[in-house]
Amino acid sequence: MARVCQVTGKKPITGHKVSFSNKKAKRRFLPNLQTKRFYLVEEDRWVTIKLAADAIRTINKRGLYSVVKELRAQGEKI
């Protein structure tokens, strides 16, 4: 599976690794992805979502069911 957060859509970006002598080399900045299981009370089942650490805060703020409902509207299989 790709390194993409299912909730926020964060994905790897590119930049430079800069040495002490200020030489630049290409590198990738990867998102802080976690595979997390949540219990969905409305459907009485567990769901597994691959998400970034800040998406966990989004779920805590907005609620799991509203986030899952929005993902399904976008066509994501949950």
PDB file of N, CA and C in Angstrom:
ATOM      1  N   MET A   1       0.829  -1.182   0.000  1.00  0.00           N
ATOM      2  CA  MET A   1       0.000   0.000   0.000  1.00  0.00           C
ATOM      3  C   MET A   1       0.874   1.248   0.000  1.00  0.00           C
ATOM      4  N   ALA A   2       0.370   2.316  -0.569  1.00  0.00           N
ATOM      5  CA  ALA A   2       1.140   3.549  -0.649  1.00  0.00           C
ATOM      6  C   ALA A   2       1.256   4.200   0.726  1.00  0.00           C
ATOM      7  N   ARG A   3       2.269   5.034   0.881  1.00  0.00           N
ATOM      8  CA  ARG A   3       2.453   5.756   2.139  1.00  0.00           C
ATOM      9  C   ARG A   3       1.599   7.016   2.129  1.00  0.00           C
ATOM     10  N   VAL A   4       0.292   6.847   2.228  1.00  0.00           N
ATOM     11  CA  VAL A   4      -0.653   7.962   2.188  1.00  0.00           C
ATOM     12  C   VAL A   4      -1.626   7.812   3.344  1.00  0.00           C
ATOM     13  N   CYS A   5      -1.888   8.910   4.038  1.00  0.00           N
ATOM     14  CA  CYS A   5      -2.863   8.919   5.119  1.00  0.00           C
ATOM     15  C   CYS A   5      -4.259   8.877   4.517  1.00  0.00           C
ATOM     16  N   GLN A   6      -5.116   7.965   5.015  1.00  0.00           N
ATOM     17  CA  GLN A   6      -6.454   7.826   4.471  1.00  0.00           C
ATOM     18  C   GLN A   6      -7.348   8.999   4.865  1.00  0.00           C
ATOM     19  N   VAL A   7      -7.074   9.648   5.977  1.00  0.00           N
ATOM     20  CA  VAL A   7      -7.934  10.732   6.456  1.00  0.00           C
ATOM     21  C   VAL A   7      -7.506  12.081   5.882  1.00  0.00           C
ATOM     22  N   THR A   8      -6.234  12.438   6.042  1.00  0.00           N
ATOM     23  CA  THR A   8      -5.779  13.765   5.628  1.00  0.00           C
ATOM     24  C   THR A   8      -5.196  13.798   4.223  1.00  0.00           C
ATOM     25  N   GLY A   9      -4.803  12.641   3.686  1.00  0.00           N
ATOM     26  CA  GLY A   9      -4.212  12.599   2.355  1.00  0.00           C
ATOM     27  C   GLY A   9      -2.745  12.969   2.325  1.00  0.00           C
ATOM     28  N   LYS A  10      -2.112  13.057   3.493  1.00  0.00           N
ATOM     29  CA  LYS A  10      -0.682  13.383   3.529  1.00  0.00           C
ATOM     30  C   LYS A  10       0.119  12.276   2.864  1.00  0.00           C
ATOM     31  N   LYS A  11       1.146  12.677   2.103  1.00  0.00           N
ATOM     32  CA  LYS A  11       2.006  11.719   1.433  1.00  0.00           C
ATOM     33  C   LYS A  11       3.439  12.229   1.456  1.00  0.00           C
ATOM     34  N   PRO A  12       4.403  11.415   1.049  1.00  0.00           N
ATOM     35  CA  PRO A  12       5.796  11.851   1.112  1.00  0.00           C
ATOM     36  C   PRO A  12       6.060  13.072   0.223  1.00  0.00           C
ATOM     37  N   ILE A  13       6.940  13.953   0.710  1.00  0.00           N
ATOM     38  CA  ILE A  13       7.375  15.095  -0.081  1.00  0.00           C
ATOM     39  C   ILE A  13       8.885  15.017  -0.222  1.00  0.00           C
ATOM     40  N   THR A  14       9.429  15.739  -1.195  1.00  0.00           N
ATOM     41  CA  THR A  14      10.866  15.709  -1.414  1.00  0.00           C
ATOM     42  C   THR A  14      11.489  17.013  -0.957  1.00  0.00           C
ATOM     43  N   GLY A  15      12.768  16.917  -0.635  1.00  0.00           N
ATOM     44  CA  GLY A  15      13.516  18.086  -0.212  1.00  0.00           C
ATOM     45  C   GLY A  15      14.991  17.782  -0.289  1.00  0.00           C
ATOM     46  N   HIS A  16      15.772  18.552   0.436  1.00  0.00           N
ATOM     47  CA  HIS A  16      17.218  18.364   0.433  1.00  0.00           C
ATOM     48  C   HIS A  16      17.704  17.942   1.802  1.00  0.00           C
ATOM     49  N   LYS A  17      18.673  17.008   1.788  1.00  0.00           N
ATOM     50  CA  LYS A  17      19.456  16.724   2.974  1.00  0.00           C
ATOM     51  C   LYS A  17      20.642  17.676   2.883  1.00  0.00           C
ATOM     52  N   VAL A  18      20.838  18.516   3.893  1.00  0.00           N
ATOM     53  CA  VAL A  18      21.894  19.526   3.829  1.00  0.00           C
ATOM     54  C   VAL A  18      22.980  19.154   4.832  1.00  0.00           C
ATOM     55  N   SER A  19      24.201  18.984   4.325  1.00  0.00           N
ATOM     56  CA  SER A  19      25.325  18.608   5.188  1.00  0.00           C
ATOM     57  C   SER A  19      25.916  19.855   5.855  1.00  0.00           C
ATOM     58  N   PHE A  20      26.883  19.624   6.728  1.00  0.00           N
ATOM     59  CA  PHE A  20      27.541  20.737   7.410  1.00  0.00           C
ATOM     60  C   PHE A  20      28.228  21.663   6.411  1.00  0.00           C
ATOM     61  N   SER A  21      28.767  21.083   5.345  1.00  0.00           N
ATOM     62  CA  SER A  21      29.444  21.897   4.331  1.00  0.00           C
ATOM     63  C   SER A  21      28.446  22.511   3.353  1.00  0.00           C
ATOM     64  N   ASN A  22      27.170  22.353   3.611  1.00  0.00           N
ATOM     65  CA  ASN A  22      26.070  22.928   2.834  1.00  0.00           C
ATOM     66  C   ASN A  22      25.892  22.275   1.467  1.00  0.00           C
ATOM     67  N   LYS A  23      26.406  21.023   1.327  1.00  0.00           N
ATOM     68  CA  LYS A  23      26.107  20.265   0.111  1.00  0.00           C
ATOM     69  C   LYS A  23      24.672  19.779   0.214  1.00  0.00           C
ATOM     70  N   LYS A  24      23.986  19.731  -0.923  1.00  0.00           N
ATOM     71  CA  LYS A  24      22.588  19.309  -0.915  1.00  0.00           C
ATOM     72  C   LYS A  24      22.424  17.990  -1.659  1.00  0.00           C
ATOM     73  N   ALA A  25      21.662  17.100  -1.077  1.00  0.00           N
ATOM     74  CA  ALA A  25      21.355  15.817  -1.699  1.00  0.00           C
ATOM     75  C   ALA A  25      19.852  15.588  -1.535  1.00  0.00           C
ATOM     76  N   LYS A  26      19.249  14.994  -2.540  1.00  0.00           N
ATOM     77  CA  LYS A  26      17.800  14.759  -2.498  1.00  0.00           C
ATOM     78  C   LYS A  26      17.443  13.759  -1.408  1.00  0.00           C
ATOM     79  N   ARG A  27      16.297  13.976  -0.774  1.00  0.00           N
ATOM     80  CA  ARG A  27      15.785  13.037   0.209  1.00  0.00           C
ATOM     81  C   ARG A  27      14.271  13.128   0.232  1.00  0.00           C
ATOM     82  N   ARG A  28      13.633  12.179   0.938  1.00  0.00           N
ATOM     83  CA  ARG A  28      12.176  12.172   1.066  1.00  0.00           C
ATOM     84  C   ARG A  28      11.802  12.395   2.522  1.00  0.00           C
ATOM     85  N   PHE A  29      10.783  13.203   2.729  1.00  0.00           N
ATOM     86  CA  PHE A  29      10.202  13.386   4.050  1.00  0.00           C
ATOM     87  C   PHE A  29       8.935  12.545   4.095  1.00  0.00           C
ATOM     88  N   LEU A  30       8.926  11.498   4.933  1.00  0.00           N
ATOM     89  CA  LEU A  30       7.790  10.592   5.008  1.00  0.00           C
ATOM     90  C   LEU A  30       6.825  11.045   6.100  1.00  0.00           C
ATOM     91  N   PRO A  31       5.516  10.883   5.874  1.00  0.00           N
ATOM     92  CA  PRO A  31       4.559  11.235   6.927  1.00  0.00           C
ATOM     93  C   PRO A  31       4.631  10.224   8.071  1.00  0.00           C
ATOM     94  N   ASN A  32       4.222  10.653   9.239  1.00  0.00           N
ATOM     95  CA  ASN A  32       4.243   9.800  10.433  1.00  0.00           C
ATOM     96  C   ASN A  32       2.992   8.922  10.425  1.00  0.00           C
ATOM     97  N   LEU A  33       3.040   7.829   9.652  1.00  0.00           N
ATOM     98  CA  LEU A  33       1.873   6.967   9.483  1.00  0.00           C
ATOM     99  C   LEU A  33       1.787   5.907  10.567  1.00  0.00           C
ATOM    100  N   GLN A  34       0.564   5.658  11.017  1.00  0.00           N
ATOM    101  CA  GLN A  34       0.272   4.624  11.993  1.00  0.00           C
ATOM    102  C   GLN A  34      -0.877   3.781  11.443  1.00  0.00           C
ATOM    103  N   THR A  35      -0.831   2.491  11.655  1.00  0.00           N
ATOM    104  CA  THR A  35      -1.966   1.622  11.351  1.00  0.00           C
ATOM    105  C   THR A  35      -2.702   1.421  12.662  1.00  0.00           C
ATOM    106  N   LYS A  36      -3.938   1.891  12.716  1.00  0.00           N
ATOM    107  CA  LYS A  36      -4.660   1.932  13.982  1.00  0.00           C
ATOM    108  C   LYS A  36      -6.021   1.288  13.841  1.00  0.00           C
ATOM    109  N   ARG A  37      -6.416   0.536  14.869  1.00  0.00           N
ATOM    110  CA  ARG A  37      -7.746  -0.064  14.909  1.00  0.00           C
ATOM    111  C   ARG A  37      -8.631   0.767  15.818  1.00  0.00           C
ATOM    112  N   PHE A  38      -9.821   1.089  15.333  1.00  0.00           N
ATOM    113  CA  PHE A  38     -10.815   1.807  16.116  1.00  0.00           C
ATOM    114  C   PHE A  38     -12.073   0.966  16.209  1.00  0.00           C
ATOM    115  N   TYR A  39     -12.771   1.071  17.323  1.00  0.00           N
ATOM    116  CA  TYR A  39     -14.043   0.373  17.466  1.00  0.00           C
ATOM    117  C   TYR A  39     -15.154   1.321  17.051  1.00  0.00           C
ATOM    118  N   LEU A  40     -15.904   0.937  16.023  1.00  0.00           N
ATOM    119  CA  LEU A  40     -17.003   1.744  15.498  1.00  0.00           C
ATOM    120  C   LEU A  40     -18.289   1.268  16.161  1.00  0.00           C
ATOM    121  N   VAL A  41     -18.766   2.044  17.141  1.00  0.00           N
ATOM    122  CA  VAL A  41     -19.912   1.640  17.966  1.00  0.00           C
ATOM    123  C   VAL A  41     -21.179   1.521  17.123  1.00  0.00           C
ATOM    124  N   GLU A  42     -21.368   2.442  16.176  1.00  0.00           N
ATOM    125  CA  GLU A  42     -22.598   2.460  15.371  1.00  0.00           C
ATOM    126  C   GLU A  42     -22.772   1.188  14.545  1.00  0.00           C
ATOM    127  N   GLU A  43     -21.670   0.576  14.139  1.00  0.00           N
ATOM    128  CA  GLU A  43     -21.739  -0.645  13.330  1.00  0.00           C
ATOM    129  C   GLU A  43     -21.324  -1.883  14.118  1.00  0.00           C
ATOM    130  N   ASP A  44     -20.932  -1.709  15.381  1.00  0.00           N
ATOM    131  CA  ASP A  44     -20.543  -2.789  16.269  1.00  0.00           C
ATOM    132  C   ASP A  44     -19.419  -3.648  15.666  1.00  0.00           C
ATOM    133  N   ARG A  45     -18.357  -2.972  15.177  1.00  0.00           N
ATOM    134  CA  ARG A  45     -17.227  -3.685  14.599  1.00  0.00           C
ATOM    135  C   ARG A  45     -15.969  -2.834  14.697  1.00  0.00           C
ATOM    136  N   TRP A  46     -14.823  -3.488  14.478  1.00  0.00           N
ATOM    137  CA  TRP A  46     -13.534  -2.816  14.470  1.00  0.00           C
ATOM    138  C   TRP A  46     -13.198  -2.400  13.039  1.00  0.00           C
ATOM    139  N   VAL A  47     -12.607  -1.216  12.881  1.00  0.00           N
ATOM    140  CA  VAL A  47     -12.123  -0.777  11.575  1.00  0.00           C
ATOM    141  C   VAL A  47     -10.636  -0.464  11.710  1.00  0.00           C
ATOM    142  N   THR A  48      -9.863  -0.815  10.687  1.00  0.00           N
ATOM    143  CA  THR A  48      -8.436  -0.530  10.655  1.00  0.00           C
ATOM    144  C   THR A  48      -8.198   0.570   9.634  1.00  0.00           C
ATOM    145  N   ILE A  49      -7.534   1.629  10.085  1.00  0.00           N
ATOM    146  CA  ILE A  49      -7.280   2.792   9.226  1.00  0.00           C
ATOM    147  C   ILE A  49      -5.791   3.108   9.277  1.00  0.00           C
ATOM    148  N   LYS A  50      -5.217   3.429   8.117  1.00  0.00           N
ATOM    149  CA  LYS A  50      -3.819   3.855   8.036  1.00  0.00           C
ATOM    150  C   LYS A  50      -3.834   5.386   8.023  1.00  0.00           C
ATOM    151  N   LEU A  51      -3.317   5.986   9.083  1.00  0.00           N
ATOM    152  CA  LEU A  51      -3.426   7.439   9.191  1.00  0.00           C
ATOM    153  C   LEU A  51      -2.194   8.067   9.806  1.00  0.00           C
ATOM    154  N   ALA A  52      -2.065   9.368   9.580  1.00  0.00           N
ATOM    155  CA  ALA A  52      -0.964  10.134  10.144  1.00  0.00           C
ATOM    156  C   ALA A  52      -1.290  10.469  11.594  1.00  0.00           C
ATOM    157  N   ALA A  53      -0.273  10.841  12.361  1.00  0.00           N
ATOM    158  CA  ALA A  53      -0.459  11.111  13.779  1.00  0.00           C
ATOM    159  C   ALA A  53      -1.431  12.265  14.004  1.00  0.00           C
ATOM    160  N   ASP A  54      -1.405  13.283  13.147  1.00  0.00           N
ATOM    161  CA  ASP A  54      -2.338  14.393  13.357  1.00  0.00           C
ATOM    162  C   ASP A  54      -3.769  14.024  12.961  1.00  0.00           C
ATOM    163  N   ALA A  55      -3.947  12.971  12.174  1.00  0.00           N
ATOM    164  CA  ALA A  55      -5.294  12.510  11.839  1.00  0.00           C
ATOM    165  C   ALA A  55      -5.961  11.852  13.040  1.00  0.00           C
ATOM    166  N   ILE A  56      -5.158  11.298  13.956  1.00  0.00           N
ATOM    167  CA  ILE A  56      -5.714  10.748  15.192  1.00  0.00           C
ATOM    168  C   ILE A  56      -6.357  11.874  15.996  1.00  0.00           C
ATOM    169  N   ARG A  57      -5.730  13.033  16.009  1.00  0.00           N
ATOM    170  CA  ARG A  57      -6.305  14.203  16.693  1.00  0.00           C
ATOM    171  C   ARG A  57      -7.592  14.649  16.005  1.00  0.00           C
ATOM    172  N   THR A  58      -7.624  14.563  14.676  1.00  0.00           N
ATOM    173  CA  THR A  58      -8.835  14.921  13.933  1.00  0.00           C
ATOM    174  C   THR A  58      -9.984  13.995  14.313  1.00  0.00           C
ATOM    175  N   ILE A  59      -9.700  12.711  14.448  1.00  0.00           N
ATOM    176  CA  ILE A  59     -10.737  11.748  14.831  1.00  0.00           C
ATOM    177  C   ILE A  59     -11.215  12.026  16.254  1.00  0.00           C
ATOM    178  N   ASN A  60     -10.304  12.370  17.155  1.00  0.00           N
ATOM    179  CA  ASN A  60     -10.700  12.705  18.523  1.00  0.00           C
ATOM    180  C   ASN A  60     -11.590  13.947  18.552  1.00  0.00           C
ATOM    181  N   LYS A  61     -11.328  14.896  17.677  1.00  0.00           N
ATOM    182  CA  LYS A  61     -12.074  16.154  17.671  1.00  0.00           C
ATOM    183  C   LYS A  61     -13.440  16.008  17.005  1.00  0.00           C
ATOM    184  N   ARG A  62     -13.485  15.388  15.816  1.00  0.00           N
ATOM    185  CA  ARG A  62     -14.723  15.325  15.044  1.00  0.00           C
ATOM    186  C   ARG A  62     -15.547  14.072  15.292  1.00  0.00           C
ATOM    187  N   GLY A  63     -14.921  13.030  15.819  1.00  0.00           N
ATOM    188  CA  GLY A  63     -15.617  11.781  16.059  1.00  0.00           C
ATOM    189  C   GLY A  63     -15.331  10.784  14.954  1.00  0.00           C
ATOM    190  N   LEU A  64     -15.225   9.523  15.334  1.00  0.00           N
ATOM    191  CA  LEU A  64     -14.858   8.476  14.384  1.00  0.00           C
ATOM    192  C   LEU A  64     -15.922   8.268  13.326  1.00  0.00           C
ATOM    193  N   TYR A  65     -17.187   8.258  13.727  1.00  0.00           N
ATOM    194  CA  TYR A  65     -18.250   7.935  12.774  1.00  0.00           C
ATOM    195  C   TYR A  65     -18.355   8.989  11.670  1.00  0.00           C
ATOM    196  N   SER A  66     -18.211  10.266  12.014  1.00  0.00           N
ATOM    197  CA  SER A  66     -18.299  11.315  10.986  1.00  0.00           C
ATOM    198  C   SER A  66     -17.120  11.238  10.020  1.00  0.00           C
ATOM    199  N   VAL A  67     -15.929  10.882  10.520  1.00  0.00           N
ATOM    200  CA  VAL A  67     -14.753  10.748   9.657  1.00  0.00           C
ATOM    201  C   VAL A  67     -14.923   9.556   8.718  1.00  0.00           C
ATOM    202  N   VAL A  68     -15.408   8.430   9.240  1.00  0.00           N
ATOM    203  CA  VAL A  68     -15.604   7.237   8.420  1.00  0.00           C
ATOM    204  C   VAL A  68     -16.679   7.487   7.372  1.00  0.00           C
ATOM    205  N   LYS A  69     -17.744   8.190   7.753  1.00  0.00           N
ATOM    206  CA  LYS A  69     -18.824   8.503   6.814  1.00  0.00           C
ATOM    207  C   LYS A  69     -18.305   9.376   5.664  1.00  0.00           C
ATOM    208  N   GLU A  70     -17.444  10.335   5.987  1.00  0.00           N
ATOM    209  CA  GLU A  70     -16.856  11.203   4.966  1.00  0.00           C
ATOM    210  C   GLU A  70     -15.922  10.428   4.039  1.00  0.00           C
ATOM    211  N   LEU A  71     -15.137   9.490   4.603  1.00  0.00           N
ATOM    212  CA  LEU A  71     -14.238   8.675   3.789  1.00  0.00           C
ATOM    213  C   LEU A  71     -15.017   7.792   2.822  1.00  0.00           C
ATOM    214  N   ARG A  72     -16.115   7.219   3.298  1.00  0.00           N
ATOM    215  CA  ARG A  72     -16.938   6.387   2.423  1.00  0.00           C
ATOM    216  C   ARG A  72     -17.579   7.195   1.321  1.00  0.00           C
ATOM    217  N   ALA A  73     -17.932   8.453   1.587  1.00  0.00           N
ATOM    218  CA  ALA A  73     -18.499   9.327   0.562  1.00  0.00           C
ATOM    219  C   ALA A  73     -17.467   9.613  -0.529  1.00  0.00           C
ATOM    220  N   GLN A  74     -16.175   9.628  -0.156  1.00  0.00           N
ATOM    221  CA  GLN A  74     -15.108   9.854  -1.126  1.00  0.00           C
ATOM    222  C   GLN A  74     -14.756   8.589  -1.890  1.00  0.00           C
ATOM    223  N   GLY A  75     -15.332   7.450  -1.503  1.00  0.00           N
ATOM    224  CA  GLY A  75     -15.082   6.204  -2.209  1.00  0.00           C
ATOM    225  C   GLY A  75     -14.045   5.309  -1.562  1.00  0.00           C
ATOM    226  N   GLU A  76     -13.586   5.670  -0.380  1.00  0.00           N
ATOM    227  CA  GLU A  76     -12.598   4.869   0.344  1.00  0.00           C
ATOM    228  C   GLU A  76     -13.296   3.654   0.948  1.00  0.00           C
ATOM    229  N   LYS A  77     -12.652   2.475   0.837  1.00  0.00           N
ATOM    230  CA  LYS A  77     -13.253   1.265   1.397  1.00  0.00           C
ATOM    231  C   LYS A  77     -12.816   1.091   2.842  1.00  0.00           C
ATOM    232  N   ILE A  78     -13.761   1.190   3.758  1.00  0.00           N
ATOM    233  CA  ILE A  78     -13.460   1.074   5.193  1.00  0.00           C
ATOM    234  C   ILE A  78     -14.329  -0.033   5.764  1.00  0.00           C
TER     235      ILE A  78
END
